C-alpha atoms as a PDB file:
ATOM      1  CA  MET A   1      56.913  54.139  46.397  1.00  0.00           C
ATOM      2  CA  THR A   2      54.825  54.777  42.701  1.00  0.00           C
ATOM      3  CA  LYS A   3      55.636  57.541  41.599  1.00  0.00           C
ATOM      4  CA  GLU A   4      51.930  59.340  40.016  1.00  0.00           C
ATOM      5  CA  PHE A   5      52.396  61.114  36.794  1.00  0.00           C
ATOM      6  CA  THR A   6      49.691  63.712  35.389  1.00  0.00           C
ATOM      7  CA  HIS A   7      49.388  62.665  31.847  1.00  0.00           C
ATOM      8  CA  ILE A   8      49.151  58.729  32.197  1.00  0.00           C
ATOM      9  CA  ALA A   9      45.816  56.944  33.956  1.00  0.00           C
ATOM     10  CA  GLY A  10      47.237  53.396  34.435  1.00  0.00           C
ATOM     11  CA  ASP A  11      48.872  52.185  30.955  1.00  0.00           C
ATOM     12  CA  ARG A  12      46.760  55.336  28.726  1.00  0.00           C
ATOM     13  CA  VAL A  13      47.787  58.611  28.200  1.00  0.00           C
ATOM     14  CA  ARG A  14      45.215  61.397  28.644  1.00  0.00           C
ATOM     15  CA  MET A  15      46.020  64.646  28.401  1.00  0.00           C
ATOM     16  CA  VAL A  16      45.546  66.920  32.488  1.00  0.00           C
ATOM     17  CA  ASP A  17      41.844  68.108  32.972  1.00  0.00           C
ATOM     18  CA  ILE A  18      42.802  72.163  34.148  1.00  0.00           C
ATOM     19  CA  SER A  19      39.071  73.160  33.720  1.00  0.00           C
ATOM     20  CA  LYS A  20      39.382  74.049  37.194  1.00  0.00           C
ATOM     21  CA  LYS A  21      41.843  75.875  37.169  1.00  0.00           C
ATOM     22  CA  GLU A  22      41.242  80.150  36.723  1.00  0.00           C
ATOM     23  CA  ASP A  23      42.517  82.700  33.769  1.00  0.00           C
ATOM     24  CA  VAL A  24      45.831  83.990  34.236  1.00  0.00           C
ATOM     25  CA  VAL A  25      47.505  86.520  32.404  1.00  0.00           C
ATOM     26  CA  ARG A  26      50.445  84.787  31.228  1.00  0.00           C
ATOM     27  CA  ARG A  27      53.841  84.873  29.306  1.00  0.00           C
ATOM     28  CA  ALA A  28      56.617  83.530  28.010  1.00  0.00           C
ATOM     29  CA  VAL A  29      59.520  84.735  26.155  1.00  0.00           C
ATOM     30  CA  VAL A  30      61.951  81.396  24.237  1.00  0.00           C
ATOM     31  CA  SER A  31      65.510  82.521  22.114  1.00  0.00           C
ATOM     32  CA  GLY A  32      67.527  80.459  20.301  1.00  0.00           C
ATOM     33  CA  GLU A  33      69.911  80.826  17.897  1.00  0.00           C
ATOM     34  CA  ILE A  34      71.413  79.492  14.717  1.00  0.00           C
ATOM     35  CA  MET A  35      74.994  79.095  13.079  1.00  0.00           C
ATOM     36  CA  LEU A  36      75.758  79.610   9.573  1.00  0.00           C
ATOM     37  CA  THR A  37      78.568  80.519   7.362  1.00  0.00           C
ATOM     38  CA  ARG A  38      79.655  84.474   7.245  1.00  0.00           C
ATOM     39  CA  ASP A  39      78.827  84.694   3.828  1.00  0.00           C
ATOM     40  CA  THR A  40      75.372  83.230   4.845  1.00  0.00           C
ATOM     41  CA  ILE A  41      74.758  86.180   7.479  1.00  0.00           C
ATOM     42  CA  GLU A  42      75.853  88.891   4.612  1.00  0.00           C
ATOM     43  CA  MET A  43      73.547  87.817   2.221  1.00  0.00           C
ATOM     44  CA  ILE A  44      70.531  87.274   4.657  1.00  0.00           C
ATOM     45  CA  ARG A  45      71.478  91.654   5.165  1.00  0.00           C
ATOM     46  CA  ALA A  46      72.297  91.935   1.559  1.00  0.00           C
ATOM     47  CA  GLY A  47      68.210  90.328   0.726  1.00  0.00           C
ATOM     48  CA  ASN A  48      70.009  88.875  -2.150  1.00  0.00           C
ATOM     49  CA  VAL A  49      69.247  84.845  -0.516  1.00  0.00           C
ATOM     50  CA  GLU A  50      67.375  83.094  -3.574  1.00  0.00           C
ATOM     51  CA  LYS A  51      64.572  81.921  -2.293  1.00  0.00           C
ATOM     52  CA  GLY A  52      63.437  85.086  -0.581  1.00  0.00           C
ATOM     53  CA  ASN A  53      62.818  87.509   2.623  1.00  0.00           C
ATOM     54  CA  VAL A  54      64.779  85.383   5.192  1.00  0.00           C
ATOM     55  CA  LEU A  55      63.678  86.289   8.083  1.00  0.00           C
ATOM     56  CA  ALA A  56      59.602  87.712   7.253  1.00  0.00           C
ATOM     57  CA  THR A  57      59.420  84.077   6.320  1.00  0.00           C
ATOM     58  CA  ALA A  58      60.971  82.823   9.759  1.00  0.00           C
ATOM     59  CA  THR A  59      59.011  85.725  11.213  1.00  0.00           C
ATOM     60  CA  THR A  60      55.814  83.656   9.640  1.00  0.00           C
ATOM     61  CA  ALA A  61      56.685  80.532  10.310  1.00  0.00           C
ATOM     62  CA  ALA A  62      56.817  81.204  13.623  1.00  0.00           C
ATOM     63  CA  VAL A  63      53.579  83.055  14.285  1.00  0.00           C
ATOM     64  CA  LEU A  64      51.692  79.852  12.028  1.00  0.00           C
ATOM     65  CA  ALA A  65      53.956  77.458  14.532  1.00  0.00           C
ATOM     66  CA  VAL A  66      52.513  78.949  17.939  1.00  0.00           C
ATOM     67  CA  LYS A  67      48.764  78.759  16.496  1.00  0.00           C
ATOM     68  CA  LYS A  68      49.423  75.127  16.093  1.00  0.00           C
ATOM     69  CA  THR A  69      51.063  73.837  18.574  1.00  0.00           C
ATOM     70  CA  PRO A  70      48.401  71.731  20.192  1.00  0.00           C
ATOM     71  CA  GLU A  71      48.150  70.013  16.130  1.00  0.00           C
ATOM     72  CA  THR A  72      52.367  68.546  16.925  1.00  0.00           C
ATOM     73  CA  ILE A  73      52.768  68.365  21.040  1.00  0.00           C
ATOM     74  CA  PRO A  74      49.991  65.237  21.690  1.00  0.00           C
ATOM     75  CA  MET A  75      50.024  67.050  25.293  1.00  0.00           C
ATOM     76  CA  CYS A  76      49.192  70.720  24.450  1.00  0.00           C
ATOM     77  CA  HIS A  77      45.819  72.553  25.471  1.00  0.00           C
ATOM     78  CA  GLN A  78      44.205  75.113  22.529  1.00  0.00           C
ATOM     79  CA  ILE A  79      44.403  77.534  24.510  1.00  0.00           C
ATOM     80  CA  PRO A  80      43.590  81.554  23.117  1.00  0.00           C
ATOM     81  CA  ILE A  81      47.167  83.370  22.272  1.00  0.00           C
ATOM     82  CA  THR A  82      46.839  87.351  22.688  1.00  0.00           C
ATOM     83  CA  GLY A  83      49.873  88.529  21.013  1.00  0.00           C
ATOM     84  CA  ILE A  84      53.071  87.103  19.760  1.00  0.00           C
ATOM     85  CA  ASP A  85      56.459  88.696  19.204  1.00  0.00           C
ATOM     86  CA  VAL A  86      58.999  87.947  16.910  1.00  0.00           C
ATOM     87  CA  ASP A  87      61.945  89.218  16.826  1.00  0.00           C
ATOM     88  CA  PHE A  88      66.255  89.232  15.107  1.00  0.00           C
ATOM     89  CA  THR A  89      68.900  89.727  15.711  1.00  0.00           C
ATOM     90  CA  ILE A  90      72.280  89.122  13.637  1.00  0.00           C
ATOM     91  CA  GLY A  91      75.705  89.020  14.483  1.00  0.00           C
ATOM     92  CA  ASP A  92      78.933  87.668  12.493  1.00  0.00           C
ATOM     93  CA  GLY A  93      78.345  84.120  12.657  1.00  0.00           C
ATOM     94  CA  SER A  94      74.772  83.008  14.343  1.00  0.00           C
ATOM     95  CA  ILE A  95      71.080  84.820  14.127  1.00  0.00           C
ATOM     96  CA  THR A  96      69.813  84.731  17.171  1.00  0.00           C
ATOM     97  CA  THR A  97      65.718  85.238  17.805  1.00  0.00           C
ATOM     98  CA  GLU A  98      63.287  85.643  20.736  1.00  0.00           C
ATOM     99  CA  VAL A  99      59.618  84.467  20.372  1.00  0.00           C
ATOM    100  CA  GLU A 100      57.403  85.794  23.362  1.00  0.00           C
ATOM    101  CA  VAL A 101      53.923  84.229  23.308  1.00  0.00           C
ATOM    102  CA  ARG A 102      51.210  85.738  25.663  1.00  0.00           C
ATOM    103  CA  THR A 103      47.534  84.510  26.281  1.00  0.00           C
ATOM    104  CA  VAL A 104      44.823  84.662  29.027  1.00  0.00           C
ATOM    105  CA  ALA A 105      44.237  81.319  29.869  1.00  0.00           C
ATOM    106  CA  LYS A 106      44.007  78.224  32.127  1.00  0.00           C
ATOM    107  CA  THR A 107      47.687  76.461  31.449  1.00  0.00           C
ATOM    108  CA  GLY A 108      50.777  78.748  30.274  1.00  0.00           C
ATOM    109  CA  VAL A 109      52.575  79.715  26.689  1.00  0.00           C
ATOM    110  CA  GLU A 110      55.908  78.023  27.196  1.00  0.00           C
ATOM    111  CA  MET A 111      55.233  75.363  24.368  1.00  0.00           C
ATOM    112  CA  GLU A 112      54.025  77.532  21.813  1.00  0.00           C
ATOM    113  CA  ALA A 113      56.903  79.750  22.226  1.00  0.00           C
ATOM    114  CA  LEU A 114      59.226  76.830  22.051  1.00  0.00           C
ATOM    115  CA  THR A 115      58.138  75.761  18.880  1.00  0.00           C
ATOM    116  CA  GLY A 116      57.765  79.247  17.397  1.00  0.00           C
ATOM    117  CA  ALA A 117      61.393  80.037  18.107  1.00  0.00           C
ATOM    118  CA  SER A 118      62.561  75.779  16.454  1.00  0.00           C
ATOM    119  CA  VAL A 119      60.186  76.696  13.618  1.00  0.00           C
ATOM    120  CA  ALA A 120      61.756  80.139  13.172  1.00  0.00           C
ATOM    121  CA  LEU A 121      65.232  78.766  13.237  1.00  0.00           C
ATOM    122  CA  LEU A 122      64.057  75.563  10.771  1.00  0.00           C
ATOM    123  CA  THR A 123      63.239  78.042   8.870  1.00  0.00           C
ATOM    124  CA  ILE A 124      66.302  80.160   8.708  1.00  0.00           C
ATOM    125  CA  TRP A 125      68.335  77.144   7.719  1.00  0.00           C
ATOM    126  CA  ASP A 126      65.470  76.688   5.000  1.00  0.00           C
ATOM    127  CA  MET A 127      65.880  79.504   3.468  1.00  0.00           C
ATOM    128  CA  VAL A 128      69.413  79.624   3.164  1.00  0.00           C
ATOM    129  CA  LYS A 129      70.345  75.432   2.910  1.00  0.00           C
ATOM    130  CA  SER A 130      71.200  76.014  -0.912  1.00  0.00           C
ATOM    131  CA  VAL A 131      74.551  78.589   0.441  1.00  0.00           C
ATOM    132  CA  GLU A 132      74.897  76.650   3.845  1.00  0.00           C
ATOM    133  CA  LYS A 133      75.826  72.746   2.243  1.00  0.00           C
ATOM    134  CA  ASP A 134      79.723  72.298   1.353  1.00  0.00           C
ATOM    135  CA  ASN A 135      80.783  70.372  -1.296  1.00  0.00           C
ATOM    136  CA  THR A 136      79.456  67.227  -0.475  1.00  0.00           C
ATOM    137  CA  GLY A 137      76.478  68.151  -0.136  1.00  0.00           C
ATOM    138  CA  ASN A 138      76.574  68.598   3.958  1.00  0.00           C
ATOM    139  CA  TYR A 139      76.177  71.409   6.876  1.00  0.00           C
ATOM    140  CA  PRO A 140      79.224  71.608   8.778  1.00  0.00           C
ATOM    141  CA  ASN A 141      78.974  75.230   9.438  1.00  0.00           C
ATOM    142  CA  THR A 142      75.275  75.340  10.363  1.00  0.00           C
ATOM    143  CA  MET A 143      73.357  74.312  13.863  1.00  0.00           C
ATOM    144  CA  ILE A 144      70.940  75.147  15.796  1.00  0.00           C
ATOM    145  CA  ARG A 145      71.614  75.692  19.473  1.00  0.00           C
ATOM    146  CA  ASN A 146      70.779  77.040  22.946  1.00  0.00           C
ATOM    147  CA  ILE A 147      66.677  76.886  22.322  1.00  0.00           C
ATOM    148  CA  ARG A 148      65.348  77.982  25.714  1.00  0.00           C
ATOM    149  CA  VAL A 149      63.156  79.152  28.004  1.00  0.00           C
ATOM    150  CA  VAL A 150      64.128  82.821  29.115  1.00  0.00           C
ATOM    151  CA  GLY A 151      61.047  83.701  31.604  1.00  0.00           C
ATOM    152  CA  LYS A 152      57.600  82.760  32.037  1.00  0.00           C
ATOM    153  CA  TYR A 153      55.210  84.829  33.617  1.00  0.00           C
ATOM    154  CA  LYS A 154      51.595  84.975  34.333  1.00  0.00           C
ATOM    155  CA  SER A 155      50.039  87.577  36.845  1.00  0.00           C
ATOM    156  CA  THR A 156      46.199  87.652  38.169  1.00  0.00           C
ATOM    157  CA  LYS A 157      45.999  91.539  36.929  1.00  0.00           C
ATOM    158  CA  THR A 158      46.108  92.275  33.130  1.00  0.00           C
ATOM    159  CA  ASN A 159      47.949  94.913  33.549  1.00  0.00           C
ATOM    160  CA  VAL A 160      50.944  93.992  35.197  1.00  0.00           C
ATOM    161  CA  LEU A 161      53.073  91.330  31.888  1.00  0.00           C
END
């Protein structure tokens, strides 16, 4: 039995044709976290990071990443983004982000939400890397982990999601 692939036709890669699908209200929520030293967490809380407001910058980066997802993930369709929410929870040794993306389209927004959360966490790392480095220039305590789709939802009724 030969397996059929949705994005491969013979020796050619292709984007799936979704033109016959109906527009549907869709939403995806993704979370992830970055582990940081307690000193770095306190600097973020106090607003004392040299590069500026870490979470505001990470929010902006997440929004931009969501909107540019089809430019970085080859088989992602360009779809209208109708809403993006980016939230952060600061813990003792970590910051968790949750990115929610909404659309009315023929395909879902989980790749956009995954991209937004990933870039938010990468931006936090970039903003604090100078204080996270050890004396060898490495990052023994810094780690991005647990990026996952919390939920993916769709409805034909606009007031459901």
